[in-house]
Protein backbone atom coordinates (compact mmCIF):
# COMPACT_ATOMS: atom_id res chain seq x y z
CA MET A 1 -46.14 -2.94 -38.72
CA PRO A 2 -42.63 -3.44 -37.29
CA MET A 3 -42.07 -6.02 -34.59
CA LYS A 4 -41.13 -4.57 -31.21
CA ILE A 5 -38.62 -5.01 -28.41
CA ALA A 6 -39.74 -3.53 -25.07
CA ILE A 7 -37.21 -2.83 -22.32
CA LEU A 8 -37.71 -1.78 -18.70
CA GLU A 9 -34.51 0.03 -17.69
CA ASP A 10 -34.11 3.26 -15.76
CA ASN A 11 -30.32 3.71 -15.99
CA GLU A 12 -29.53 6.09 -18.86
CA ASP A 13 -26.02 4.69 -19.44
CA ARG A 14 -27.45 1.19 -19.79
CA ARG A 15 -30.22 2.44 -22.05
CA THR A 16 -27.67 4.14 -24.30
CA ALA A 17 -25.55 0.97 -24.52
CA MET A 18 -28.63 -1.16 -25.21
CA ARG A 19 -29.91 1.26 -27.85
CA CYS A 20 -26.50 1.24 -29.58
CA CYS A 21 -26.27 -2.57 -29.61
CA LEU A 22 -29.80 -3.02 -30.91
CA ALA A 23 -29.39 -0.34 -33.60
CA ASP A 24 -26.23 -2.08 -34.80
CA ARG A 25 -27.38 -5.72 -34.70
CA LEU A 26 -31.19 -5.80 -34.58
CA HIS A 27 -32.10 -2.58 -36.40
CA GLN A 28 -35.17 -4.15 -38.02
CA TYR A 29 -37.05 -4.03 -34.72
CA GLU A 30 -38.73 -1.02 -33.13
CA VAL A 31 -37.28 -0.55 -29.64
CA GLN A 32 -39.22 1.03 -26.78
CA PHE A 33 -37.66 1.86 -23.40
CA PHE A 34 -39.55 2.42 -20.17
CA ASP A 35 -38.51 3.61 -16.72
CA ASP A 36 -41.97 3.11 -15.23
CA ALA A 37 -43.78 -0.21 -14.82
CA SER A 38 -47.29 1.16 -15.37
CA ALA A 39 -46.25 2.89 -18.61
CA MET A 40 -44.76 -0.36 -19.89
CA ILE A 41 -47.88 -2.32 -19.00
CA ALA A 42 -50.02 0.24 -20.85
CA TYR A 43 -47.75 -0.12 -23.88
CA LEU A 44 -47.84 -3.92 -23.78
CA LYS A 45 -51.65 -3.93 -23.56
CA ASN A 46 -51.69 -2.27 -26.99
CA ASN A 47 -48.64 -3.99 -28.53
CA LEU A 48 -48.46 -7.52 -27.13
CA ALA A 49 -49.12 -9.16 -30.50
CA ASP A 50 -46.28 -7.22 -32.18
CA THR A 51 -43.70 -7.78 -29.44
CA VAL A 52 -40.86 -10.27 -30.07
CA VAL A 53 -39.00 -9.96 -26.75
CA VAL A 54 -39.15 -8.06 -23.46
CA SER A 55 -36.18 -7.31 -21.21
CA LEU A 56 -36.87 -6.45 -17.57
CA ASP A 57 -34.89 -4.78 -14.85
CA HIS A 58 -36.43 -5.06 -11.39
CA ASP A 59 -35.37 -2.18 -9.16
CA LEU A 60 -36.31 1.24 -10.52
CA ASP A 61 -35.16 4.50 -8.95
CA LEU A 62 -37.70 6.94 -7.59
CA LYS A 63 -38.49 9.78 -10.00
CA PRO A 64 -38.88 13.43 -9.07
CA GLY A 65 -42.46 14.66 -9.25
CA GLU A 66 -44.34 17.88 -8.73
CA GLY A 67 -43.87 19.84 -5.52
CA GLY A 68 -40.67 18.03 -4.57
CA ARG A 69 -42.47 14.71 -4.18
CA TRP A 70 -40.91 11.47 -5.31
CA LEU A 71 -42.82 9.09 -7.57
CA ASP A 72 -42.50 5.32 -7.31
CA PRO A 73 -42.14 3.88 -10.83
CA GLY A 74 -42.85 0.33 -9.65
CA THR A 75 -40.74 -2.74 -10.38
CA GLY A 76 -40.12 -5.31 -13.06
CA ARG A 77 -42.16 -7.77 -11.01
CA GLU A 78 -45.29 -5.81 -11.91
CA ILE A 79 -44.54 -6.45 -15.59
CA ALA A 80 -43.88 -10.13 -14.88
CA ASP A 81 -47.18 -10.41 -13.01
CA TYR A 82 -49.02 -8.73 -15.90
CA LEU A 83 -47.40 -11.01 -18.49
CA ALA A 84 -48.18 -14.09 -16.38
CA GLU A 85 -51.87 -13.30 -16.89
CA GLN A 86 -51.42 -13.24 -20.71
CA PRO A 87 -50.86 -16.17 -23.08
CA ALA A 88 -47.10 -16.79 -23.37
CA SER A 89 -46.06 -15.46 -26.77
CA PHE A 90 -42.44 -14.27 -26.68
CA PRO A 91 -39.30 -14.69 -24.57
CA VAL A 92 -38.61 -12.53 -21.52
CA ILE A 93 -35.08 -11.53 -20.54
CA ILE A 94 -34.55 -10.67 -16.87
CA HIS A 95 -31.57 -8.36 -16.45
CA THR A 96 -31.47 -7.36 -12.80
CA SER A 97 -28.72 -7.61 -10.20
CA ASN A 98 -31.39 -8.24 -7.54
CA GLY A 99 -31.07 -12.03 -7.36
CA ASP A 100 -34.08 -12.68 -5.13
CA ALA A 101 -36.33 -10.52 -7.29
CA ALA A 102 -35.02 -12.20 -10.46
CA VAL A 103 -35.92 -15.64 -9.10
CA GLY A 104 -39.43 -14.45 -8.22
CA MET A 105 -39.93 -12.93 -11.68
CA GLU A 106 -38.66 -16.10 -13.37
CA LEU A 107 -40.90 -18.35 -11.30
CA VAL A 108 -44.11 -16.39 -11.91
CA LEU A 109 -43.40 -16.26 -15.65
CA GLN A 110 -42.29 -19.88 -16.01
CA ASP A 111 -45.29 -21.10 -14.02
CA ALA A 112 -47.47 -19.32 -16.59
CA GLY A 113 -45.62 -20.95 -19.52
CA TRP A 114 -43.31 -18.10 -20.49
CA ASN A 115 -39.79 -18.73 -21.79
CA THR A 116 -37.33 -16.75 -19.63
CA HIS A 117 -33.61 -16.01 -19.77
CA ARG A 118 -31.44 -14.47 -17.05
CA VAL A 119 -28.62 -11.98 -17.57
CA VAL A 120 -26.70 -10.69 -14.56
CA PRO A 121 -25.50 -7.08 -14.93
CA MET A 122 -21.92 -6.16 -14.05
CA GLU A 123 -20.42 -2.85 -12.89
CA ASP A 124 -19.49 -1.69 -16.37
CA ASN A 125 -21.76 -2.06 -19.36
CA GLU A 126 -19.73 -4.68 -21.24
CA TRP A 127 -22.31 -7.29 -20.23
CA ILE A 128 -24.77 -5.44 -22.49
CA HIS A 129 -22.53 -5.73 -25.56
CA GLY A 130 -21.80 -9.37 -24.80
CA HIS A 131 -24.15 -11.57 -22.80
CA TRP A 132 -27.31 -9.42 -22.95
CA LEU A 133 -27.21 -8.82 -26.71
CA ARG A 134 -26.47 -12.50 -27.43
CA THR A 135 -29.32 -13.52 -25.15
CA ILE A 136 -31.76 -11.12 -26.86
CA ARG A 137 -30.73 -12.36 -30.31
CA ASN A 138 -30.81 -16.05 -29.37
CA ALA A 139 -34.18 -15.65 -27.66
CA ILE A 140 -35.71 -14.03 -30.76
CA VAL A 141 -34.23 -16.65 -33.10
CA GLY A 142 -35.21 -19.54 -30.81
CA SER A 143 -38.75 -18.24 -30.48
CA ALA A 144 -39.12 -17.91 -34.26
CA LYS A 145 -37.84 -21.47 -34.76
CA ARG A 146 -40.30 -22.82 -32.16
CA ARG A 147 -43.20 -21.00 -33.84
CA ARG A 148 -42.24 -22.38 -37.27
CA SER A 149 -41.93 -25.87 -35.81
CA GLU A 150 -45.33 -25.60 -34.09
CA GLN A 151 -46.91 -24.34 -37.32
CA THR A 152 -45.40 -27.25 -39.26
CA ILE A 153 -46.63 -29.79 -36.71
CA SER A 154 -50.14 -28.31 -36.58
CA GLY A 155 -50.19 -28.11 -40.39
CA GLU A 156 -49.24 -31.77 -40.69
CA GLN A 157 -51.92 -32.79 -38.22
CA ALA A 158 -54.68 -30.78 -39.88
């Protein structure tokens, strides 16, 4: 079963840039995008063990619903709160321009033992090709190295 990258992002231009970067550099992973917090939580409930990294936006735009009503897709904080209740198992990238929300997401995750990284979006999408992609890659590699080190230590102690 392929390992997975899960991304909460509602901006289609950003999603396209992220998809392109990941297909070029990290093509071995299955990538899932979400624009709704509850849909991402449902996905993670079934795929937590196969996930290698999550990247979270915070502010999500309202979505049009039936009868002209607007639907609230939630926020990245809901994902952070869900993950904080799970055993820490992979890095979480926080890629929101909402500084206060980013700090809150980082704190709840770090308090629960999760490894977090922060990427601040810019007006254009060059930050995706540069800082975000490097952060995703380094987080995956760093997490794999930590797991190997922990396995070696526990194997030596057994």
